[in-house]
Amino acid sequence: IHRRVVQKVGLVKREMFLWGDEREYLF
């Protein structure tokens, strides 16, 4: 992932713990 994407989209939703955080980031 390019840093410009992280700056635009943000960080992973950490509260999700597991199972769903990757799908949420894809959305």
mmCIF file of all heavy atoms, coordinates in Angstrom:
data_MODEL
# 
_entry.id   MODEL 
# 
loop_
_atom_site.group_PDB 
_atom_site.id 
_atom_site.type_symbol 
_atom_site.label_atom_id 
_atom_site.label_alt_id 
_atom_site.label_comp_id 
_atom_site.label_asym_id 
_atom_site.label_entity_id 
_atom_site.label_seq_id 
_atom_site.pdbx_PDB_ins_code 
_atom_site.Cartn_x 
_atom_site.Cartn_y 
_atom_site.Cartn_z 
_atom_site.occupancy 
_atom_site.B_iso_or_equiv 
_atom_site.pdbx_formal_charge 
_atom_site.auth_seq_id 
_atom_site.auth_comp_id 
_atom_site.auth_asym_id 
_atom_site.auth_atom_id 
_atom_site.pdbx_PDB_model_num 
ATOM 1   N N   . ILE A 1 1  ? 0.838   -1.195  0.000  1.00 0.00 ? 1  ILE A N   1 
ATOM 2   C CA  . ILE A 1 1  ? 0.000   0.000   0.000  1.00 0.00 ? 1  ILE A CA  1 
ATOM 3   C C   . ILE A 1 1  ? 0.880   1.256   0.000  1.00 0.00 ? 1  ILE A C   1 
ATOM 4   O O   . ILE A 1 1  ? 1.797   1.379   0.811  1.00 0.00 ? 1  ILE A O   1 
ATOM 5   C CB  . ILE A 1 1  ? -0.928  0.036   1.237  1.00 0.00 ? 1  ILE A CB  1 
ATOM 6   C CG1 . ILE A 1 1  ? -1.771  -1.250  1.310  1.00 0.00 ? 1  ILE A CG1 1 
ATOM 7   C CG2 . ILE A 1 1  ? -1.829  1.255   1.204  1.00 0.00 ? 1  ILE A CG2 1 
ATOM 8   C CD1 . ILE A 1 1  ? -2.649  -1.322  2.548  1.00 0.00 ? 1  ILE A CD1 1 
ATOM 9   N N   . HIS A 1 2  ? 0.577   2.192   -0.880 1.00 0.00 ? 2  HIS A N   1 
ATOM 10  C CA  . HIS A 1 2  ? 1.323   3.446   -0.924 1.00 0.00 ? 2  HIS A CA  1 
ATOM 11  C C   . HIS A 1 2  ? 0.907   4.351   0.224  1.00 0.00 ? 2  HIS A C   1 
ATOM 12  O O   . HIS A 1 2  ? -0.256  4.355   0.644  1.00 0.00 ? 2  HIS A O   1 
ATOM 13  C CB  . HIS A 1 2  ? 1.076   4.158   -2.259 1.00 0.00 ? 2  HIS A CB  1 
ATOM 14  C CG  . HIS A 1 2  ? 2.069   5.242   -2.550 1.00 0.00 ? 2  HIS A CG  1 
ATOM 15  N ND1 . HIS A 1 2  ? 1.936   6.523   -2.077 1.00 0.00 ? 2  HIS A ND1 1 
ATOM 16  C CD2 . HIS A 1 2  ? 3.230   5.220   -3.266 1.00 0.00 ? 2  HIS A CD2 1 
ATOM 17  C CE1 . HIS A 1 2  ? 2.967   7.264   -2.485 1.00 0.00 ? 2  HIS A CE1 1 
ATOM 18  N NE2 . HIS A 1 2  ? 3.763   6.497   -3.202 1.00 0.00 ? 2  HIS A NE2 1 
ATOM 19  N N   . ARG A 1 3  ? 1.843   5.142   0.722  1.00 0.00 ? 3  ARG A N   1 
ATOM 20  C CA  . ARG A 1 3  ? 1.560   5.992   1.876  1.00 0.00 ? 3  ARG A CA  1 
ATOM 21  C C   . ARG A 1 3  ? 0.437   6.983   1.592  1.00 0.00 ? 3  ARG A C   1 
ATOM 22  O O   . ARG A 1 3  ? -0.316  7.366   2.494  1.00 0.00 ? 3  ARG A O   1 
ATOM 23  C CB  . ARG A 1 3  ? 2.823   6.725   2.351  1.00 0.00 ? 3  ARG A CB  1 
ATOM 24  C CG  . ARG A 1 3  ? 3.366   7.776   1.410  1.00 0.00 ? 3  ARG A CG  1 
ATOM 25  C CD  . ARG A 1 3  ? 4.593   8.494   1.988  1.00 0.00 ? 3  ARG A CD  1 
ATOM 26  N NE  . ARG A 1 3  ? 4.228   9.352   3.097  1.00 0.00 ? 3  ARG A NE  1 
ATOM 27  C CZ  . ARG A 1 3  ? 4.501   9.079   4.375  1.00 0.00 ? 3  ARG A CZ  1 
ATOM 28  N NH1 . ARG A 1 3  ? 5.106   7.960   4.719  1.00 0.00 ? 3  ARG A NH1 1 
ATOM 29  N NH2 . ARG A 1 3  ? 4.149   9.921   5.312  1.00 0.00 ? 3  ARG A NH2 1 
ATOM 30  N N   . ARG A 1 4  ? 0.281   7.406   0.327  1.00 0.00 ? 4  ARG A N   1 
ATOM 31  C CA  . ARG A 1 4  ? -0.793  8.345   0.007  1.00 0.00 ? 4  ARG A CA  1 
ATOM 32  C C   . ARG A 1 4  ? -2.166  7.732   0.269  1.00 0.00 ? 4  ARG A C   1 
ATOM 33  O O   . ARG A 1 4  ? -3.114  8.441   0.609  1.00 0.00 ? 4  ARG A O   1 
ATOM 34  C CB  . ARG A 1 4  ? -0.676  8.803   -1.451 1.00 0.00 ? 4  ARG A CB  1 
ATOM 35  C CG  . ARG A 1 4  ? 0.567   9.615   -1.754 1.00 0.00 ? 4  ARG A CG  1 
ATOM 36  C CD  . ARG A 1 4  ? 0.356   10.547  -2.936 1.00 0.00 ? 4  ARG A CD  1 
ATOM 37  N NE  . ARG A 1 4  ? 0.010   9.822   -4.160 1.00 0.00 ? 4  ARG A NE  1 
ATOM 38  C CZ  . ARG A 1 4  ? 0.893   9.437   -5.084 1.00 0.00 ? 4  ARG A CZ  1 
ATOM 39  N NH1 . ARG A 1 4  ? 2.181   9.678   -4.906 1.00 0.00 ? 4  ARG A NH1 1 
ATOM 40  N NH2 . ARG A 1 4  ? 0.499   8.821   -6.176 1.00 0.00 ? 4  ARG A NH2 1 
ATOM 41  N N   . VAL A 1 5  ? -2.262  6.430   0.105  1.00 0.00 ? 5  VAL A N   1 
ATOM 42  C CA  . VAL A 1 5  ? -3.524  5.749   0.385  1.00 0.00 ? 5  VAL A CA  1 
ATOM 43  C C   . VAL A 1 5  ? -3.813  5.766   1.881  1.00 0.00 ? 5  VAL A C   1 
ATOM 44  O O   . VAL A 1 5  ? -4.934  6.063   2.306  1.00 0.00 ? 5  VAL A O   1 
ATOM 45  C CB  . VAL A 1 5  ? -3.481  4.291   -0.131 1.00 0.00 ? 5  VAL A CB  1 
ATOM 46  C CG1 . VAL A 1 5  ? -4.710  3.527   0.327  1.00 0.00 ? 5  VAL A CG1 1 
ATOM 47  C CG2 . VAL A 1 5  ? -3.357  4.268   -1.640 1.00 0.00 ? 5  VAL A CG2 1 
ATOM 48  N N   . VAL A 1 6  ? -2.817  5.460   2.689  1.00 0.00 ? 6  VAL A N   1 
ATOM 49  C CA  . VAL A 1 6  ? -3.010  5.456   4.136  1.00 0.00 ? 6  VAL A CA  1 
ATOM 50  C C   . VAL A 1 6  ? -3.365  6.855   4.629  1.00 0.00 ? 6  VAL A C   1 
ATOM 51  O O   . VAL A 1 6  ? -4.221  7.024   5.505  1.00 0.00 ? 6  VAL A O   1 
ATOM 52  C CB  . VAL A 1 6  ? -1.755  4.921   4.849  1.00 0.00 ? 6  VAL A CB  1 
ATOM 53  C CG1 . VAL A 1 6  ? -1.980  4.866   6.358  1.00 0.00 ? 6  VAL A CG1 1 
ATOM 54  C CG2 . VAL A 1 6  ? -1.381  3.538   4.320  1.00 0.00 ? 6  VAL A CG2 1 
ATOM 55  N N   . GLN A 1 7  ? -2.730  7.861   4.041  1.00 0.00 ? 7  GLN A N   1 
ATOM 56  C CA  . GLN A 1 7  ? -3.034  9.234   4.429  1.00 0.00 ? 7  GLN A CA  1 
ATOM 57  C C   . GLN A 1 7  ? -4.459  9.617   4.056  1.00 0.00 ? 7  GLN A C   1 
ATOM 58  O O   . GLN A 1 7  ? -5.118  10.372  4.769  1.00 0.00 ? 7  GLN A O   1 
ATOM 59  C CB  . GLN A 1 7  ? -2.032  10.186  3.780  1.00 0.00 ? 7  GLN A CB  1 
ATOM 60  C CG  . GLN A 1 7  ? -0.630  10.080  4.343  1.00 0.00 ? 7  GLN A CG  1 
ATOM 61  C CD  . GLN A 1 7  ? 0.413   10.800  3.510  1.00 0.00 ? 7  GLN A CD  1 
ATOM 62  O OE1 . GLN A 1 7  ? 0.245   11.004  2.300  1.00 0.00 ? 7  GLN A OE1 1 
ATOM 63  N NE2 . GLN A 1 7  ? 1.510   11.202  4.151  1.00 0.00 ? 7  GLN A NE2 1 
ATOM 64  N N   . LYS A 1 8  ? -4.942  9.095   2.941  1.00 0.00 ? 8  LYS A N   1 
ATOM 65  C CA  . LYS A 1 8  ? -6.290  9.430   2.466  1.00 0.00 ? 8  LYS A CA  1 
ATOM 66  C C   . LYS A 1 8  ? -7.366  8.588   3.131  1.00 0.00 ? 8  LYS A C   1 
ATOM 67  O O   . LYS A 1 8  ? -8.392  9.111   3.588  1.00 0.00 ? 8  LYS A O   1 
ATOM 68  C CB  . LYS A 1 8  ? -6.358  9.237   0.946  1.00 0.00 ? 8  LYS A CB  1 
ATOM 69  C CG  . LYS A 1 8  ? -7.717  9.545   0.343  1.00 0.00 ? 8  LYS A CG  1 
ATOM 70  C CD  . LYS A 1 8  ? -7.704  9.348   -1.165 1.00 0.00 ? 8  LYS A CD  1 
ATOM 71  C CE  . LYS A 1 8  ? -9.054  9.725   -1.783 1.00 0.00 ? 8  LYS A CE  1 
ATOM 72  N NZ  . LYS A 1 8  ? -9.049  9.549   -3.260 1.00 0.00 ? 8  LYS A NZ  1 
ATOM 73  N N   . VAL A 1 9  ? -7.151  7.290   3.212  1.00 0.00 ? 9  VAL A N   1 
ATOM 74  C CA  . VAL A 1 9  ? -8.172  6.361   3.689  1.00 0.00 ? 9  VAL A CA  1 
ATOM 75  C C   . VAL A 1 9  ? -8.130  6.206   5.204  1.00 0.00 ? 9  VAL A C   1 
ATOM 76  O O   . VAL A 1 9  ? -9.147  5.955   5.853  1.00 0.00 ? 9  VAL A O   1 
ATOM 77  C CB  . VAL A 1 9  ? -7.996  4.991   2.992  1.00 0.00 ? 9  VAL A CB  1 
ATOM 78  C CG1 . VAL A 1 9  ? -8.952  3.949   3.553  1.00 0.00 ? 9  VAL A CG1 1 
ATOM 79  C CG2 . VAL A 1 9  ? -8.196  5.141   1.491  1.00 0.00 ? 9  VAL A CG2 1 
ATOM 80  N N   . GLY A 1 10 ? -6.937  6.357   5.781  1.00 0.00 ? 10 GLY A N   1 
ATOM 81  C CA  . GLY A 1 10 ? -6.786  6.229   7.217  1.00 0.00 ? 10 GLY A CA  1 
ATOM 82  C C   . GLY A 1 10 ? -6.196  4.892   7.634  1.00 0.00 ? 10 GLY A C   1 
ATOM 83  O O   . GLY A 1 10 ? -5.822  4.064   6.798  1.00 0.00 ? 10 GLY A O   1 
ATOM 84  N N   . LEU A 1 11 ? -6.103  4.692   8.923  1.00 0.00 ? 11 LEU A N   1 
ATOM 85  C CA  . LEU A 1 11 ? -5.552  3.474   9.485  1.00 0.00 ? 11 LEU A CA  1 
ATOM 86  C C   . LEU A 1 11 ? -6.643  2.414   9.652  1.00 0.00 ? 11 LEU A C   1 
ATOM 87  O O   . LEU A 1 11 ? -7.826  2.684   9.497  1.00 0.00 ? 11 LEU A O   1 
ATOM 88  C CB  . LEU A 1 11 ? -4.913  3.771   10.843 1.00 0.00 ? 11 LEU A CB  1 
ATOM 89  C CG  . LEU A 1 11 ? -3.847  4.883   10.869 1.00 0.00 ? 11 LEU A CG  1 
ATOM 90  C CD1 . LEU A 1 11 ? -3.353  5.094   12.296 1.00 0.00 ? 11 LEU A CD1 1 
ATOM 91  C CD2 . LEU A 1 11 ? -2.696  4.560   9.943  1.00 0.00 ? 11 LEU A CD2 1 
ATOM 92  N N   . VAL A 1 12 ? -6.215  1.209   9.961  1.00 0.00 ? 12 VAL A N   1 
ATOM 93  C CA  . VAL A 1 12 ? -7.147  0.104   10.191 1.00 0.00 ? 12 VAL A CA  1 
ATOM 94  C C   . VAL A 1 12 ? -8.030  0.421   11.399 1.00 0.00 ? 12 VAL A C   1 
ATOM 95  O O   . VAL A 1 12 ? -7.596  1.066   12.364 1.00 0.00 ? 12 VAL A O   1 
ATOM 96  C CB  . VAL A 1 12 ? -6.349  -1.196  10.438 1.00 0.00 ? 12 VAL A CB  1 
ATOM 97  C CG1 . VAL A 1 12 ? -7.273  -2.346  10.824 1.00 0.00 ? 12 VAL A CG1 1 
ATOM 98  C CG2 . VAL A 1 12 ? -5.543  -1.561  9.195  1.00 0.00 ? 12 VAL A CG2 1 
ATOM 99  N N   . LYS A 1 13 ? -9.292  -0.034  11.354 1.00 0.00 ? 13 LYS A N   1 
ATOM 100 C CA  . LYS A 1 13 ? -10.193 0.150   12.500 1.00 0.00 ? 13 LYS A CA  1 
ATOM 101 C C   . LYS A 1 13 ? -9.768  -0.843  13.582 1.00 0.00 ? 13 LYS A C   1 
ATOM 102 O O   . LYS A 1 13 ? -10.166 -2.006  13.580 1.00 0.00 ? 13 LYS A O   1 
ATOM 103 C CB  . LYS A 1 13 ? -11.646 -0.078  12.085 1.00 0.00 ? 13 LYS A CB  1 
ATOM 104 C CG  . LYS A 1 13 ? -12.646 0.198   13.209 1.00 0.00 ? 13 LYS A CG  1 
ATOM 105 C CD  . LYS A 1 13 ? -14.074 0.135   12.717 1.00 0.00 ? 13 LYS A CD  1 
ATOM 106 C CE  . LYS A 1 13 ? -15.079 0.293   13.853 1.00 0.00 ? 13 LYS A CE  1 
ATOM 107 N NZ  . LYS A 1 13 ? -14.925 1.562   14.602 1.00 0.00 ? 13 LYS A NZ  1 
ATOM 108 N N   . ARG A 1 14 ? -8.988  -0.349  14.530 1.00 0.00 ? 14 ARG A N   1 
ATOM 109 C CA  . ARG A 1 14 ? -8.335  -1.231  15.489 1.00 0.00 ? 14 ARG A CA  1 
ATOM 110 C C   . ARG A 1 14 ? -9.297  -1.917  16.440 1.00 0.00 ? 14 ARG A C   1 
ATOM 111 O O   . ARG A 1 14 ? -9.012  -2.999  16.960 1.00 0.00 ? 14 ARG A O   1 
ATOM 112 C CB  . ARG A 1 14 ? -7.304  -0.435  16.294 1.00 0.00 ? 14 ARG A CB  1 
ATOM 113 C CG  . ARG A 1 14 ? -7.857  0.755   17.038 1.00 0.00 ? 14 ARG A CG  1 
ATOM 114 C CD  . ARG A 1 14 ? -6.753  1.516   17.749 1.00 0.00 ? 14 ARG A CD  1 
ATOM 115 N NE  . ARG A 1 14 ? -7.222  2.786   18.278 1.00 0.00 ? 14 ARG A NE  1 
ATOM 116 C CZ  . ARG A 1 14 ? -6.439  3.643   18.933 1.00 0.00 ? 14 ARG A CZ  1 
ATOM 117 N NH1 . ARG A 1 14 ? -5.174  3.322   19.152 1.00 0.00 ? 14 ARG A NH1 1 
ATOM 118 N NH2 . ARG A 1 14 ? -6.920  4.779   19.378 1.00 0.00 ? 14 ARG A NH2 1 
ATOM 119 N N   . GLU A 1 15 ? -10.471 -1.308  16.694 1.00 0.00 ? 15 GLU A N   1 
ATOM 120 C CA  . GLU A 1 15 ? -11.415 -1.901  17.640 1.00 0.00 ? 15 GLU A CA  1 
ATOM 121 C C   . GLU A 1 15 ? -11.959 -3.247  17.168 1.00 0.00 ? 15 GLU A C   1 
ATOM 122 O O   . GLU A 1 15 ? -12.492 -4.021  17.955 1.00 0.00 ? 15 GLU A O   1 
ATOM 123 C CB  . GLU A 1 15 ? -12.595 -0.945  17.887 1.00 0.00 ? 15 GLU A CB  1 
ATOM 124 C CG  . GLU A 1 15 ? -12.211 0.399   18.462 1.00 0.00 ? 15 GLU A CG  1 
ATOM 125 C CD  . GLU A 1 15 ? -11.967 1.440   17.373 1.00 0.00 ? 15 GLU A CD  1 
ATOM 126 O OE1 . GLU A 1 15 ? -11.737 1.039   16.209 1.00 0.00 ? 15 GLU A OE1 1 
ATOM 127 O OE2 . GLU A 1 15 ? -12.017 2.638   17.693 1.00 0.00 ? 15 GLU A OE2 1 
ATOM 128 N N   . MET A 1 16 ? -11.837 -3.543  15.880 1.00 0.00 ? 16 MET A N   1 
ATOM 129 C CA  . MET A 1 16 ? -12.411 -4.774  15.349 1.00 0.00 ? 16 MET A CA  1 
ATOM 130 C C   . MET A 1 16 ? -11.674 -6.024  15.829 1.00 0.00 ? 16 MET A C   1 
ATOM 131 O O   . MET A 1 16 ? -12.204 -7.122  15.742 1.00 0.00 ? 16 MET A O   1 
ATOM 132 C CB  . MET A 1 16 ? -12.439 -4.727  13.820 1.00 0.00 ? 16 MET A CB  1 
ATOM 133 C CG  . MET A 1 16 ? -13.542 -3.844  13.280 1.00 0.00 ? 16 MET A CG  1 
ATOM 134 S SD  . MET A 1 16 ? -13.686 -3.959  11.489 1.00 0.00 ? 16 MET A SD  1 
ATOM 135 C CE  . MET A 1 16 ? -15.445 -3.703  11.274 1.00 0.00 ? 16 MET A CE  1 
ATOM 136 N N   . PHE A 1 17 ? -10.464 -5.877  16.277 1.00 0.00 ? 17 PHE A N   1 
ATOM 137 C CA  . PHE A 1 17 ? -9.662  -6.959  16.832 1.00 0.00 ? 17 PHE A CA  1 
ATOM 138 C C   . PHE A 1 17 ? -9.237  -7.967  15.767 1.00 0.00 ? 17 PHE A C   1 
ATOM 139 O O   . PHE A 1 17 ? -8.072  -8.149  15.482 1.00 0.00 ? 17 PHE A O   1 
ATOM 140 C CB  . PHE A 1 17 ? -10.393 -7.656  17.993 1.00 0.00 ? 17 PHE A CB  1 
ATOM 141 C CG  . PHE A 1 17 ? -9.502  -8.542  18.818 1.00 0.00 ? 17 PHE A CG  1 
ATOM 142 C CD1 . PHE A 1 17 ? -8.613  -7.989  19.725 1.00 0.00 ? 17 PHE A CD1 1 
ATOM 143 C CD2 . PHE A 1 17 ? -9.547  -9.919  18.704 1.00 0.00 ? 17 PHE A CD2 1 
ATOM 144 C CE1 . PHE A 1 17 ? -7.783  -8.793  20.499 1.00 0.00 ? 17 PHE A CE1 1 
ATOM 145 C CE2 . PHE A 1 17 ? -8.720  -10.740 19.466 1.00 0.00 ? 17 PHE A CE2 1 
ATOM 146 C CZ  . PHE A 1 17 ? -7.839  -10.166 20.355 1.00 0.00 ? 17 PHE A CZ  1 
ATOM 147 N N   . LEU A 1 18 ? -10.171 -8.658  15.154 1.00 0.00 ? 18 LEU A N   1 
ATOM 148 C CA  . LEU A 1 18 ? -9.888  -9.566  14.043 1.00 0.00 ? 18 LEU A CA  1 
ATOM 149 C C   . LEU A 1 18 ? -11.194 -9.870  13.321 1.00 0.00 ? 18 LEU A C   1 
ATOM 150 O O   . LEU A 1 18 ? -12.272 -9.528  13.786 1.00 0.00 ? 18 LEU A O   1 
ATOM 151 C CB  . LEU A 1 18 ? -9.228  -10.861 14.517 1.00 0.00 ? 18 LEU A CB  1 
ATOM 152 C CG  . LEU A 1 18 ? -10.100 -12.004 15.077 1.00 0.00 ? 18 LEU A CG  1 
ATOM 153 C CD1 . LEU A 1 18 ? -9.265  -13.263 15.165 1.00 0.00 ? 18 LEU A CD1 1 
ATOM 154 C CD2 . LEU A 1 18 ? -10.660 -11.669 16.427 1.00 0.00 ? 18 LEU A CD2 1 
ATOM 155 N N   . TRP A 1 19 ? -11.074 -10.523 12.144 1.00 0.00 ? 19 TRP A N   1 
ATOM 156 C CA  . TRP A 1 19 ? -12.239 -10.949 11.357 1.00 0.00 ? 19 TRP A CA  1 
ATOM 157 C C   . TRP A 1 19 ? -13.164 -9.789  11.002 1.00 0.00 ? 19 TRP A C   1 
ATOM 158 O O   . TRP A 1 19 ? -14.230 -9.625  11.579 1.00 0.00 ? 19 TRP A O   1 
ATOM 159 C CB  . TRP A 1 19 ? -13.025 -12.036 12.080 1.00 0.00 ? 19 TRP A CB  1 
ATOM 160 C CG  . TRP A 1 19 ? -12.335 -13.340 12.131 1.00 0.00 ? 19 TRP A CG  1 
ATOM 161 C CD1 . TRP A 1 19 ? -11.372 -13.800 11.281 1.00 0.00 ? 19 TRP A CD1 1 
ATOM 162 C CD2 . TRP A 1 19 ? -12.535 -14.356 13.106 1.00 0.00 ? 19 TRP A CD2 1 
ATOM 163 N NE1 . TRP A 1 19 ? -10.965 -15.046 11.659 1.00 0.00 ? 19 TRP A NE1 1 
ATOM 164 C CE2 . TRP A 1 19 ? -11.660 -15.415 12.783 1.00 0.00 ? 19 TRP A CE2 1 
ATOM 165 C CE3 . TRP A 1 19 ? -13.366 -14.484 14.219 1.00 0.00 ? 19 TRP A CE3 1 
ATOM 166 C CZ2 . TRP A 1 19 ? -11.595 -16.578 13.518 1.00 0.00 ? 19 TRP A CZ2 1 
ATOM 167 C CZ3 . TRP A 1 19 ? -13.305 -15.637 14.948 1.00 0.00 ? 19 TRP A CZ3 1 
ATOM 168 C CH2 . TRP A 1 19 ? -12.431 -16.679 14.603 1.00 0.00 ? 19 TRP A CH2 1 
ATOM 169 N N   . GLY A 1 20 ? -12.759 -9.013  10.066 1.00 0.00 ? 20 GLY A N   1 
ATOM 170 C CA  . GLY A 1 20 ? -13.591 -7.922  9.581  1.00 0.00 ? 20 GLY A CA  1 
ATOM 171 C C   . GLY A 1 20 ? -12.816 -6.665  9.295  1.00 0.00 ? 20 GLY A C   1 
ATOM 172 O O   . GLY A 1 20 ? -13.223 -5.838  8.469  1.00 0.00 ? 20 GLY A O   1 
ATOM 173 N N   . ASP A 1 21 ? -11.690 -6.475  9.968  1.00 0.00 ? 21 ASP A N   1 
ATOM 174 C CA  . ASP A 1 21 ? -10.897 -5.266  9.757  1.00 0.00 ? 21 ASP A CA  1 
ATOM 175 C C   . ASP A 1 21 ? -10.386 -5.169  8.323  1.00 0.00 ? 21 ASP A C   1 
ATOM 176 O O   . ASP A 1 21 ? -10.345 -4.092  7.729  1.00 0.00 ? 21 ASP A O   1 
ATOM 177 C CB  . ASP A 1 21 ? -9.729  -5.213  10.737 1.00 0.00 ? 21 ASP A CB  1 
ATOM 178 C CG  . ASP A 1 21 ? -8.876  -6.467  10.718 1.00 0.00 ? 21 ASP A CG  1 
ATOM 179 O OD1 . ASP A 1 21 ? -9.401  -7.547  11.050 1.00 0.00 ? 21 ASP A OD1 1 
ATOM 180 O OD2 . ASP A 1 21 ? -7.688  -6.379  10.369 1.00 0.00 ? 21 ASP A OD2 1 
ATOM 181 N N   . GLU A 1 22 ? -9.990  -6.324  7.740  1.00 0.00 ? 22 GLU A N   1 
ATOM 182 C CA  . GLU A 1 22 ? -9.483  -6.303  6.370  1.00 0.00 ? 22 GLU A CA  1 
ATOM 183 C C   . GLU A 1 22 ? -10.604 -5.991  5.381  1.00 0.00 ? 22 GLU A C   1 
ATOM 184 O O   . GLU A 1 22 ? -10.403 -5.256  4.393  1.00 0.00 ? 22 GLU A O   1 
ATOM 185 C CB  . GLU A 1 22 ? -8.790  -7.631  6.024  1.00 0.00 ? 22 GLU A CB  1 
ATOM 186 C CG  . GLU A 1 22 ? -9.691  -8.841  5.859  1.00 0.00 ? 22 GLU A CG  1 
ATOM 187 C CD  . GLU A 1 22 ? -10.305 -9.341  7.147  1.00 0.00 ? 22 GLU A CD  1 
ATOM 188 O OE1 . GLU A 1 22 ? -9.813  -9.010  8.244  1.00 0.00 ? 22 GLU A OE1 1 
ATOM 189 O OE2 . GLU A 1 22 ? -11.309 -10.073 7.058  1.00 0.00 ? 22 GLU A OE2 1 
ATOM 190 N N   . ARG A 1 23 ? -11.799 -6.531  5.637  1.00 0.00 ? 23 ARG A N   1 
ATOM 191 C CA  . ARG A 1 23 ? -12.948 -6.244  4.768  1.00 0.00 ? 23 ARG A CA  1 
ATOM 192 C C   . ARG A 1 23 ? -13.364 -4.784  4.892  1.00 0.00 ? 23 ARG A C   1 
ATOM 193 O O   . ARG A 1 23 ? -13.704 -4.128  3.903  1.00 0.00 ? 23 ARG A O   1 
ATOM 194 C CB  . ARG A 1 23 ? -14.099 -7.168  5.167  1.00 0.00 ? 23 ARG A CB  1 
ATOM 195 C CG  . ARG A 1 23 ? -15.338 -7.058  4.297  1.00 0.00 ? 23 ARG A CG  1 
ATOM 196 C CD  . ARG A 1 23 ? -15.089 -7.390  2.860  1.00 0.00 ? 23 ARG A CD  1 
ATOM 197 N NE  . ARG A 1 23 ? -14.447 -8.683  2.673  1.00 0.00 ? 23 ARG A NE  1 
ATOM 198 C CZ  . ARG A 1 23 ? -14.055 -9.145  1.496  1.00 0.00 ? 23 ARG A CZ  1 
ATOM 199 N NH1 . ARG A 1 23 ? -14.227 -8.408  0.421  1.00 0.00 ? 23 ARG A NH1 1 
ATOM 200 N NH2 . ARG A 1 23 ? -13.478 -10.317 1.403  1.00 0.00 ? 23 ARG A NH2 1 
ATOM 201 N N   . GLU A 1 24 ? -13.324 -4.256  6.106  1.00 0.00 ? 24 GLU A N   1 
ATOM 202 C CA  . GLU A 1 24 ? -13.685 -2.851  6.316  1.00 0.00 ? 24 GLU A CA  1 
ATOM 203 C C   . GLU A 1 24 ? -12.724 -1.929  5.574  1.00 0.00 ? 24 GLU A C   1 
ATOM 204 O O   . GLU A 1 24 ? -13.139 -0.932  4.976  1.00 0.00 ? 24 GLU A O   1 
ATOM 205 C CB  . GLU A 1 24 ? -13.685 -2.545  7.821  1.00 0.00 ? 24 GLU A CB  1 
ATOM 206 C CG  . GLU A 1 24 ? -14.394 -1.260  8.211  1.00 0.00 ? 24 GLU A CG  1 
ATOM 207 C CD  . GLU A 1 24 ? -13.511 -0.028  8.138  1.00 0.00 ? 24 GLU A CD  1 
ATOM 208 O OE1 . GLU A 1 24 ? -12.274 -0.179  8.215  1.00 0.00 ? 24 GLU A OE1 1 
ATOM 209 O OE2 . GLU A 1 24 ? -14.057 1.087   8.001  1.00 0.00 ? 24 GLU A OE2 1 
ATOM 210 N N   . TYR A 1 25 ? -11.435 -2.278  5.584  1.00 0.00 ? 25 TYR A N   1 
ATOM 211 C CA  . TYR A 1 25 ? -10.467 -1.434  4.880  1.00 0.00 ? 25 TYR A CA  1 
ATOM 212 C C   . TYR A 1 25 ? -10.690 -1.523  3.368  1.00 0.00 ? 25 TYR A C   1 
ATOM 213 O O   . TYR A 1 25 ? -10.567 -0.516  2.653  1.00 0.00 ? 25 TYR A O   1 
ATOM 214 C CB  . TYR A 1 25 ? -9.039  -1.857  5.229  1.00 0.00 ? 25 TYR A CB  1 
ATOM 215 C CG  . TYR A 1 25 ? -8.040  -0.733  5.095  1.00 0.00 ? 25 TYR A CG  1 
ATOM 216 C CD1 . TYR A 1 25 ? -7.945  0.247   6.078  1.00 0.00 ? 25 TYR A CD1 1 
ATOM 217 C CD2 . TYR A 1 25 ? -7.208  -0.633  3.994  1.00 0.00 ? 25 TYR A CD2 1 
ATOM 218 C CE1 . TYR A 1 25 ? -7.047  1.298   5.969  1.00 0.00 ? 25 TYR A CE1 1 
ATOM 219 C CE2 . TYR A 1 25 ? -6.302  0.415   3.869  1.00 0.00 ? 25 TYR A CE2 1 
ATOM 220 C CZ  . TYR A 1 25 ? -6.220  1.372   4.853  1.00 0.00 ? 25 TYR A CZ  1 
ATOM 221 O OH  . TYR A 1 25 ? -5.332  2.419   4.734  1.00 0.00 ? 25 TYR A OH  1 
ATOM 222 N N   . LEU A 1 26 ? -11.041 -2.686  2.882  1.00 0.00 ? 26 LEU A N   1 
ATOM 223 C CA  . LEU A 1 26 ? -11.327 -2.848  1.464  1.00 0.00 ? 26 LEU A CA  1 
ATOM 224 C C   . LEU A 1 26 ? -12.527 -2.003  1.054  1.00 0.00 ? 26 LEU A C   1 
ATOM 225 O O   . LEU A 1 26 ? -12.523 -1.362  -0.008 1.00 0.00 ? 26 LEU A O   1 
ATOM 226 C CB  . LEU A 1 26 ? -11.580 -4.325  1.155  1.00 0.00 ? 26 LEU A CB  1 
ATOM 227 C CG  . LEU A 1 26 ? -11.667 -4.719  -0.318 1.00 0.00 ? 26 LEU A CG  1 
ATOM 228 C CD1 . LEU A 1 26 ? -10.358 -4.430  -1.037 1.00 0.00 ? 26 LEU A CD1 1 
ATOM 229 C CD2 . LEU A 1 26 ? -12.013 -6.195  -0.440 1.00 0.00 ? 26 LEU A CD2 1 
ATOM 230 N N   . PHE A 1 27 ? -13.562 -1.969  1.882  1.00 0.00 ? 27 PHE A N   1 
ATOM 231 C CA  . PHE A 1 27 ? -14.719 -1.126  1.594  1.00 0.00 ? 27 PHE A CA  1 
ATOM 232 C C   . PHE A 1 27 ? -14.313 0.344   1.525  1.00 0.00 ? 27 PHE A C   1 
ATOM 233 O O   . PHE A 1 27 ? -14.835 1.105   0.701  1.00 0.00 ? 27 PHE A O   1 
ATOM 234 C CB  . PHE A 1 27 ? -15.796 -1.322  2.665  1.00 0.00 ? 27 PHE A CB  1 
ATOM 235 C CG  . PHE A 1 27 ? -16.665 -2.525  2.445  1.00 0.00 ? 27 PHE A CG  1 
ATOM 236 C CD1 . PHE A 1 27 ? -16.848 -3.456  3.462  1.00 0.00 ? 27 PHE A CD1 1 
ATOM 237 C CD2 . PHE A 1 27 ? -17.311 -2.731  1.239  1.00 0.00 ? 27 PHE A CD2 1 
ATOM 238 C CE1 . PHE A 1 27 ? -17.655 -4.568  3.268  1.00 0.00 ? 27 PHE A CE1 1 
ATOM 239 C CE2 . PHE A 1 27 ? -18.125 -3.835  1.035  1.00 0.00 ? 27 PHE A CE2 1 
ATOM 240 C CZ  . PHE A 1 27 ? -18.298 -4.759  2.059  1.00 0.00 ? 27 PHE A CZ  1 
# 
